[in-house]
PDB file of N, CA and C in Angstrom:
ATOM      1  N   MET A   1     105.665 131.296 107.701  1.00  0.00           N
ATOM      2  CA  MET A   1     106.273 130.314 108.581  1.00  0.00           C
ATOM      3  C   MET A   1     105.332 129.116 108.693  1.00  0.00           C
ATOM      4  N   GLY A   2     105.890 127.914 108.654  1.00  0.00           N
ATOM      5  CA  GLY A   2     105.094 126.704 108.710  1.00  0.00           C
ATOM      6  C   GLY A   2     104.539 126.428 110.091  1.00  0.00           C
ATOM      7  N   LYS A   3     103.494 125.645 110.108  1.00  0.00           N
ATOM      8  CA  LYS A   3     102.863 125.274 111.375  1.00  0.00           C
ATOM      9  C   LYS A   3     103.664 124.155 112.031  1.00  0.00           C
ATOM     10  N   LYS A   4     103.854 124.247 113.326  1.00  0.00           N
ATOM     11  CA  LYS A   4     104.588 123.226 114.069  1.00  0.00           C
ATOM     12  C   LYS A   4     103.609 122.249 114.700  1.00  0.00           C
ATOM     13  N   TYR A   5     103.954 120.994 114.592  1.00  0.00           N
ATOM     14  CA  TYR A   5     103.158 119.939 115.223  1.00  0.00           C
ATOM     15  C   TYR A   5     103.991 119.313 116.318  1.00  0.00           C
ATOM     16  N   ARG A   6     103.393 119.141 117.460  1.00  0.00           N
ATOM     17  CA  ARG A   6     104.110 118.581 118.600  1.00  0.00           C
ATOM     18  C   ARG A   6     103.406 117.312 119.084  1.00  0.00           C
ATOM     19  N   ASN A   7     104.185 116.438 119.666  1.00  0.00           N
ATOM     20  CA  ASN A   7     103.671 115.205 120.273  1.00  0.00           C
ATOM     21  C   ASN A   7     102.896 114.339 119.282  1.00  0.00           C
ATOM     22  N   LEU A   8     103.384 114.239 118.059  1.00  0.00           N
ATOM     23  CA  LEU A   8     102.708 113.425 117.055  1.00  0.00           C
ATOM     24  C   LEU A   8     102.972 111.930 117.235  1.00  0.00           C
ATOM     25  N   PHE A   9     104.072 111.589 117.858  1.00  0.00           N
ATOM     26  CA  PHE A   9     104.451 110.180 117.960  1.00  0.00           C
ATOM     27  C   PHE A   9     103.354 109.349 118.601  1.00  0.00           C
ATOM     28  N   TYR A  10     102.774 109.830 119.686  1.00  0.00           N
ATOM     29  CA  TYR A  10     101.757 109.044 120.382  1.00  0.00           C
ATOM     30  C   TYR A  10     100.445 108.996 119.607  1.00  0.00           C
ATOM     31  N   LYS A  11     100.205 109.976 118.741  1.00  0.00           N
ATOM     32  CA  LYS A  11      99.046 109.901 117.854  1.00  0.00           C
ATOM     33  C   LYS A  11      99.288 108.879 116.752  1.00  0.00           C
ATOM     34  N   ILE A  12     100.518 108.790 116.271  1.00  0.00           N
ATOM     35  CA  ILE A  12     100.853 107.848 115.213  1.00  0.00           C
ATOM     36  C   ILE A  12     100.757 106.417 115.726  1.00  0.00           C
ATOM     37  N   VAL A  13     101.242 106.149 116.924  1.00  0.00           N
ATOM     38  CA  VAL A  13     101.255 104.780 117.438  1.00  0.00           C
ATOM     39  C   VAL A  13      99.977 104.407 118.183  1.00  0.00           C
ATOM     40  N   ALA A  14      98.974 105.272 118.150  1.00  0.00           N
ATOM     41  CA  ALA A  14      97.689 104.929 118.767  1.00  0.00           C
ATOM     42  C   ALA A  14      97.082 103.756 118.000  1.00  0.00           C
ATOM     43  N   ILE A  15      96.486 102.816 118.712  1.00  0.00           N
ATOM     44  CA  ILE A  15      95.979 101.592 118.092  1.00  0.00           C
ATOM     45  C   ILE A  15      94.922 101.890 117.036  1.00  0.00           C
ATOM     46  N   ASP A  16      94.105 102.914 117.235  1.00  0.00           N
ATOM     47  CA  ASP A  16      93.106 103.268 116.226  1.00  0.00           C
ATOM     48  C   ASP A  16      93.761 103.747 114.935  1.00  0.00           C
ATOM     49  N   ASN A  17      94.849 104.485 115.045  1.00  0.00           N
ATOM     50  CA  ASN A  17      95.569 104.956 113.872  1.00  0.00           C
ATOM     51  C   ASN A  17      96.227 103.786 113.141  1.00  0.00           C
ATOM     52  N   ILE A  18      96.792 102.847 113.870  1.00  0.00           N
ATOM     53  CA  ILE A  18      97.414 101.668 113.267  1.00  0.00           C
ATOM     54  C   ILE A  18      96.346 100.823 112.572  1.00  0.00           C
ATOM     55  N   ARG A  19      95.182 100.698 113.193  1.00  0.00           N
ATOM     56  CA  ARG A  19      94.076  99.942 112.583  1.00  0.00           C
ATOM     57  C   ARG A  19      93.611 100.602 111.288  1.00  0.00           C
ATOM     58  N   ASP A  20      93.533 101.935 111.268  1.00  0.00           N
ATOM     59  CA  ASP A  20      93.160 102.652 110.047  1.00  0.00           C
ATOM     60  C   ASP A  20      94.214 102.460 108.956  1.00  0.00           C
ATOM     61  N   ALA A  21      95.484 102.475 109.335  1.00  0.00           N
ATOM     62  CA  ALA A  21      96.565 102.263 108.368  1.00  0.00           C
ATOM     63  C   ALA A  21      96.478 100.858 107.782  1.00  0.00           C
ATOM     64  N   TYR A  22      96.133  99.877 108.612  1.00  0.00           N
ATOM     65  CA  TYR A  22      95.954  98.506 108.128  1.00  0.00           C
ATOM     66  C   TYR A  22      94.846  98.453 107.084  1.00  0.00           C
ATOM     67  N   LYS A  23      93.733  99.095 107.367  1.00  0.00           N
ATOM     68  CA  LYS A  23      92.600  99.091 106.430  1.00  0.00           C
ATOM     69  C   LYS A  23      92.987  99.738 105.106  1.00  0.00           C
ATOM     70  N   LYS A  24      93.762 100.815 105.149  1.00  0.00           N
ATOM     71  CA  LYS A  24      94.202 101.473 103.918  1.00  0.00           C
ATOM     72  C   LYS A  24      95.171 100.583 103.140  1.00  0.00           C
ATOM     73  N   ALA A  25      96.036  99.862 103.840  1.00  0.00           N
ATOM     74  CA  ALA A  25      96.986  98.974 103.165  1.00  0.00           C
ATOM     75  C   ALA A  25      96.256  97.829 102.477  1.00  0.00           C
ATOM     76  N   VAL A  26      95.226  97.309 103.110  1.00  0.00           N
ATOM     77  CA  VAL A  26      94.456  96.212 102.522  1.00  0.00           C
ATOM     78  C   VAL A  26      93.680  96.710 101.309  1.00  0.00           C
ATOM     79  N   LYS A  27      93.165  97.925 101.386  1.00  0.00           N
ATOM     80  CA  LYS A  27      92.404  98.492 100.274  1.00  0.00           C
ATOM     81  C   LYS A  27      93.291  98.668  99.046  1.00  0.00           C
ATOM     82  N   GLY A  28      94.588  98.783  99.251  1.00  0.00           N
ATOM     83  CA  GLY A  28      95.517  99.011  98.155  1.00  0.00           C
ATOM     84  C   GLY A  28      95.772  97.811  97.276  1.00  0.00           C
ATOM     85  N   GLY A  29      95.182  96.663  97.539  1.00  0.00           N
ATOM     86  CA  GLY A  29      95.344  95.514  96.662  1.00  0.00           C
ATOM     87  C   GLY A  29      96.105  94.352  97.264  1.00  0.00           C
ATOM     88  N   ASN A  30      96.426  94.402  98.539  1.00  0.00           N
ATOM     89  CA  ASN A  30      97.179  93.316  99.178  1.00  0.00           C
ATOM     90  C   ASN A  30      96.286  92.284  99.857  1.00  0.00           C
ATOM     91  N   ARG A  31      95.006  92.276  99.561  1.00  0.00           N
ATOM     92  CA  ARG A  31      94.064  91.442 100.301  1.00  0.00           C
ATOM     93  C   ARG A  31      94.353  89.956 100.237  1.00  0.00           C
ATOM     94  N   PHE A  32      94.863  89.479  99.115  1.00  0.00           N
ATOM     95  CA  PHE A  32      94.997  88.041  98.943  1.00  0.00           C
ATOM     96  C   PHE A  32      96.441  87.563  98.936  1.00  0.00           C
ATOM     97  N   SER A  33      97.364  88.388  99.364  1.00  0.00           N
ATOM     98  CA  SER A  33      98.757  87.956  99.435  1.00  0.00           C
ATOM     99  C   SER A  33      98.942  87.055 100.660  1.00  0.00           C
ATOM    100  N   ASN A  34      99.933  86.196 100.591  1.00  0.00           N
ATOM    101  CA  ASN A  34     100.209  85.296 101.717  1.00  0.00           C
ATOM    102  C   ASN A  34     100.555  86.081 102.978  1.00  0.00           C
ATOM    103  N   GLY A  35     101.310  87.166 102.806  1.00  0.00           N
ATOM    104  CA  GLY A  35     101.684  87.981 103.958  1.00  0.00           C
ATOM    105  C   GLY A  35     100.467  88.563 104.653  1.00  0.00           C
ATOM    106  N   HIS A  36      99.503  89.047 103.878  1.00  0.00           N
ATOM    107  CA  HIS A  36      98.302  89.619 104.476  1.00  0.00           C
ATOM    108  C   HIS A  36      97.464  88.554 105.154  1.00  0.00           C
ATOM    109  N   LEU A  37      97.290  87.408 104.498  1.00  0.00           N
ATOM    110  CA  LEU A  37      96.459  86.357 105.087  1.00  0.00           C
ATOM    111  C   LEU A  37      97.057  85.840 106.393  1.00  0.00           C
ATOM    112  N   ASN A  38      98.389  85.728 106.454  1.00  0.00           N
ATOM    113  CA  ASN A  38      99.041  85.314 107.709  1.00  0.00           C
ATOM    114  C   ASN A  38      98.873  86.375 108.791  1.00  0.00           C
ATOM    115  N   PHE A  39      98.988  87.639 108.417  1.00  0.00           N
ATOM    116  CA  PHE A  39      98.838  88.739 109.371  1.00  0.00           C
ATOM    117  C   PHE A  39      97.407  88.801 109.890  1.00  0.00           C
ATOM    118  N   LYS A  40      96.444  88.549 109.008  1.00  0.00           N
ATOM    119  CA  LYS A  40      95.025  88.675 109.350  1.00  0.00           C
ATOM    120  C   LYS A  40      94.544  87.580 110.306  1.00  0.00           C
ATOM    121  N   GLU A  41      95.214  86.434 110.325  1.00  0.00           N
ATOM    122  CA  GLU A  41      94.792  85.330 111.185  1.00  0.00           C
ATOM    123  C   GLU A  41      94.713  85.767 112.650  1.00  0.00           C
ATOM    124  N   ASN A  42      95.671  86.530 113.097  1.00  0.00           N
ATOM    125  CA  ASN A  42      95.696  87.051 114.474  1.00  0.00           C
ATOM    126  C   ASN A  42      95.800  88.569 114.408  1.00  0.00           C
ATOM    127  N   LEU A  43      94.827  89.186 113.776  1.00  0.00           N
ATOM    128  CA  LEU A  43      94.901  90.605 113.442  1.00  0.00           C
ATOM    129  C   LEU A  43      95.140  91.490 114.660  1.00  0.00           C
ATOM    130  N   GLU A  44      94.296  91.405 115.663  1.00  0.00           N
ATOM    131  CA  GLU A  44      94.424  92.306 116.812  1.00  0.00           C
ATOM    132  C   GLU A  44      95.733  92.087 117.562  1.00  0.00           C
ATOM    133  N   ALA A  45      96.148  90.835 117.697  1.00  0.00           N
ATOM    134  CA  ALA A  45      97.417  90.550 118.369  1.00  0.00           C
ATOM    135  C   ALA A  45      98.585  91.118 117.560  1.00  0.00           C
ATOM    136  N   ASN A  46      98.537  90.963 116.234  1.00  0.00           N
ATOM    137  CA  ASN A  46      99.606  91.490 115.386  1.00  0.00           C
ATOM    138  C   ASN A  46      99.645  93.015 115.398  1.00  0.00           C
ATOM    139  N   LEU A  47      98.476  93.652 115.422  1.00  0.00           N
ATOM    140  CA  LEU A  47      98.442  95.112 115.505  1.00  0.00           C
ATOM    141  C   LEU A  47      99.022  95.591 116.834  1.00  0.00           C
ATOM    142  N   TYR A  48      98.714  94.873 117.905  1.00  0.00           N
ATOM    143  CA  TYR A  48      99.256  95.230 119.221  1.00  0.00           C
ATOM    144  C   TYR A  48     100.777  95.048 119.243  1.00  0.00           C
ATOM    145  N   ILE A  49     101.266  93.945 118.667  1.00  0.00           N
ATOM    146  CA  ILE A  49     102.713  93.707 118.613  1.00  0.00           C
ATOM    147  C   ILE A  49     103.393  94.805 117.797  1.00  0.00           C
ATOM    148  N   LEU A  50     102.783  95.172 116.678  1.00  0.00           N
ATOM    149  CA  LEU A  50     103.313  96.244 115.847  1.00  0.00           C
ATOM    150  C   LEU A  50     103.378  97.553 116.626  1.00  0.00           C
ATOM    151  N   GLN A  51     102.334  97.852 117.376  1.00  0.00           N
ATOM    152  CA  GLN A  51     102.306  99.065 118.185  1.00  0.00           C
ATOM    153  C   GLN A  51     103.429  99.050 119.220  1.00  0.00           C
ATOM    154  N   GLN A  52     103.608  97.932 119.899  1.00  0.00           N
ATOM    155  CA  GLN A  52     104.651  97.839 120.917  1.00  0.00           C
ATOM    156  C   GLN A  52     106.039  97.991 120.311  1.00  0.00           C
ATOM    157  N   GLN A  53     106.260  97.380 119.136  1.00  0.00           N
ATOM    158  CA  GLN A  53     107.558  97.506 118.481  1.00  0.00           C
ATOM    159  C   GLN A  53     107.827  98.946 118.066  1.00  0.00           C
ATOM    160  N   MET A  54     106.799  99.646 117.615  1.00  0.00           N
ATOM    161  CA  MET A  54     106.985 101.046 117.242  1.00  0.00           C
ATOM    162  C   MET A  54     107.286 101.896 118.475  1.00  0.00           C
ATOM    163  N   MET A  55     106.606 101.632 119.568  1.00  0.00           N
ATOM    164  CA  MET A  55     106.831 102.415 120.786  1.00  0.00           C
ATOM    165  C   MET A  55     108.220 102.162 121.369  1.00  0.00           C
ATOM    166  N   LYS A  56     108.702 100.915 121.277  1.00  0.00           N
ATOM    167  CA  LYS A  56     110.026 100.574 121.802  1.00  0.00           C
ATOM    168  C   LYS A  56     111.138 100.822 120.788  1.00  0.00           C
ATOM    169  N   GLU A  57     110.730 101.268 119.573  1.00  0.00           N
ATOM    170  CA  GLU A  57     111.665 101.537 118.488  1.00  0.00           C
ATOM    171  C   GLU A  57     112.458 100.296 118.101  1.00  0.00           C
ATOM    172  N   THR A  58     111.813  99.132 118.103  1.00  0.00           N
ATOM    173  CA  THR A  58     112.459  97.888 117.704  1.00  0.00           C
ATOM    174  C   THR A  58     111.862  97.326 116.424  1.00  0.00           C
ATOM    175  N   TYR A  59     110.948  98.054 115.782  1.00  0.00           N
ATOM    176  CA  TYR A  59     110.315  97.587 114.550  1.00  0.00           C
ATOM    177  C   TYR A  59     111.362  97.478 113.451  1.00  0.00           C
ATOM    178  N   ASP A  60     111.376  96.353 112.739  1.00  0.00           N
ATOM    179  CA  ASP A  60     112.348  96.108 111.686  1.00  0.00           C
ATOM    180  C   ASP A  60     111.605  95.963 110.360  1.00  0.00           C
ATOM    181  N   ILE A  61     111.973  96.776 109.392  1.00  0.00           N
ATOM    182  CA  ILE A  61     111.359  96.716 108.065  1.00  0.00           C
ATOM    183  C   ILE A  61     111.929  95.511 107.332  1.00  0.00           C
ATOM    184  N   GLY A  62     111.068  94.755 106.655  1.00  0.00           N
ATOM    185  CA  GLY A  62     111.513  93.585 105.907  1.00  0.00           C
ATOM    186  C   GLY A  62     112.287  93.974 104.660  1.00  0.00           C
ATOM    187  N   GLU A  63     112.758  92.975 103.925  1.00  0.00           N
ATOM    188  CA  GLU A  63     113.511  93.215 102.704  1.00  0.00           C
ATOM    189  C   GLU A  63     112.576  93.613 101.573  1.00  0.00           C
ATOM    190  N   TYR A  64     113.061  94.465 100.696  1.00  0.00           N
ATOM    191  CA  TYR A  64     112.275  94.912  99.552  1.00  0.00           C
ATOM    192  C   TYR A  64     112.174  93.811  98.501  1.00  0.00           C
ATOM    193  N   TYR A  65     111.043  93.751  97.843  1.00  0.00           N
ATOM    194  CA  TYR A  65     110.833  92.883  96.698  1.00  0.00           C
ATOM    195  C   TYR A  65     110.932  93.778  95.468  1.00  0.00           C
ATOM    196  N   THR A  66     111.797  93.433  94.517  1.00  0.00           N
ATOM    197  CA  THR A  66     112.028  94.266  93.345  1.00  0.00           C
ATOM    198  C   THR A  66     111.503  93.564  92.102  1.00  0.00           C
ATOM    199  N   PHE A  67     110.765  94.313  91.285  1.00  0.00           N
ATOM    200  CA  PHE A  67     110.274  93.768  90.013  1.00  0.00           C
ATOM    201  C   PHE A  67     110.178  94.901  89.001  1.00  0.00           C
ATOM    202  N   LYS A  68     110.028  94.525  87.725  1.00  0.00           N
ATOM    203  CA  LYS A  68     109.965  95.505  86.653  1.00  0.00           C
ATOM    204  C   LYS A  68     108.537  95.649  86.146  1.00  0.00           C
ATOM    205  N   VAL A  69     108.189  96.883  85.789  1.00  0.00           N
ATOM    206  CA  VAL A  69     106.923  97.186  85.135  1.00  0.00           C
ATOM    207  C   VAL A  69     107.276  97.751  83.767  1.00  0.00           C
ATOM    208  N   TYR A  70     106.609  97.289  82.732  1.00  0.00           N
ATOM    209  CA  TYR A  70     106.960  97.681  81.371  1.00  0.00           C
ATOM    210  C   TYR A  70     105.974  98.666  80.747  1.00  0.00           C
ATOM    211  N   GLU A  71     104.883  98.989  81.404  1.00  0.00           N
ATOM    212  CA  GLU A  71     103.904  99.909  80.831  1.00  0.00           C
ATOM    213  C   GLU A  71     103.843 101.175  81.673  1.00  0.00           C
ATOM    214  N   PRO A  72     103.847 102.334  81.195  1.00  0.00           N
ATOM    215  CA  PRO A  72     104.070 102.750  79.807  1.00  0.00           C
ATOM    216  C   PRO A  72     105.551 102.770  79.434  1.00  0.00           C
ATOM    217  N   LYS A  73     106.432 102.639  80.417  1.00  0.00           N
ATOM    218  CA  LYS A  73     107.868 102.548  80.140  1.00  0.00           C
ATOM    219  C   LYS A  73     108.468 101.606  81.172  1.00  0.00           C
ATOM    220  N   VAL A  74     109.689 101.170  80.958  1.00  0.00           N
ATOM    221  CA  VAL A  74     110.342 100.234  81.872  1.00  0.00           C
ATOM    222  C   VAL A  74     110.731 100.969  83.156  1.00  0.00           C
ATOM    223  N   ARG A  75     110.262 100.411  84.280  1.00  0.00           N
ATOM    224  CA  ARG A  75     110.580 100.987  85.590  1.00  0.00           C
ATOM    225  C   ARG A  75     110.861  99.861  86.579  1.00  0.00           C
ATOM    226  N   ASP A  76     111.755 100.106  87.495  1.00  0.00           N
ATOM    227  CA  ASP A  76     111.986  99.179  88.603  1.00  0.00           C
ATOM    228  C   ASP A  76     111.088  99.591  89.758  1.00  0.00           C
ATOM    229  N   ILE A  77     110.361  98.637  90.302  1.00  0.00           N
ATOM    230  CA  ILE A  77     109.468  98.879  91.430  1.00  0.00           C
ATOM    231  C   ILE A  77     110.015  98.135  92.634  1.00  0.00           C
ATOM    232  N   HIS A  78     110.045  98.790  93.770  1.00  0.00           N
ATOM    233  CA  HIS A  78     110.509  98.188  95.020  1.00  0.00           C
ATOM    234  C   HIS A  78     109.336  98.245  95.996  1.00  0.00           C
ATOM    235  N   SER A  79     108.947  97.090  96.513  1.00  0.00           N
ATOM    236  CA  SER A  79     107.836  97.061  97.460  1.00  0.00           C
ATOM    237  C   SER A  79     108.229  96.278  98.699  1.00  0.00           C
ATOM    238  N   LEU A  80     107.606  96.634  99.794  1.00  0.00           N
ATOM    239  CA  LEU A  80     107.852  95.944 101.058  1.00  0.00           C
ATOM    240  C   LEU A  80     106.854  94.820 101.235  1.00  0.00           C
ATOM    241  N   PRO A  81     107.208  93.793 101.979  1.00  0.00           N
ATOM    242  CA  PRO A  81     106.235  92.739 102.265  1.00  0.00           C
ATOM    243  C   PRO A  81     105.117  93.281 103.149  1.00  0.00           C
ATOM    244  N   PHE A  82     103.939  92.624 103.119  1.00  0.00           N
ATOM    245  CA  PHE A  82     102.833  93.112 103.895  1.00  0.00           C
ATOM    246  C   PHE A  82     103.174  93.057 105.357  1.00  0.00           C
TER     247      PHE A  82
END
């Protein structure tokens, strides 16, 4: 039988967890995108706004950006804006 986890929502929306997620997203190669640079200008305020939207369940995911990768085979890639 699998282990049950309870009350994870408040751990997920904790500001330290959101800050760690931001650091991991930046490490993934988005450091110099326009979306990241705009977000970084007011980093703490944006992280707080993100936390509040998640807690109020009003966070809206942006539109996907679709592009093709040809190596090693043709694939469609869908990514979200930063």
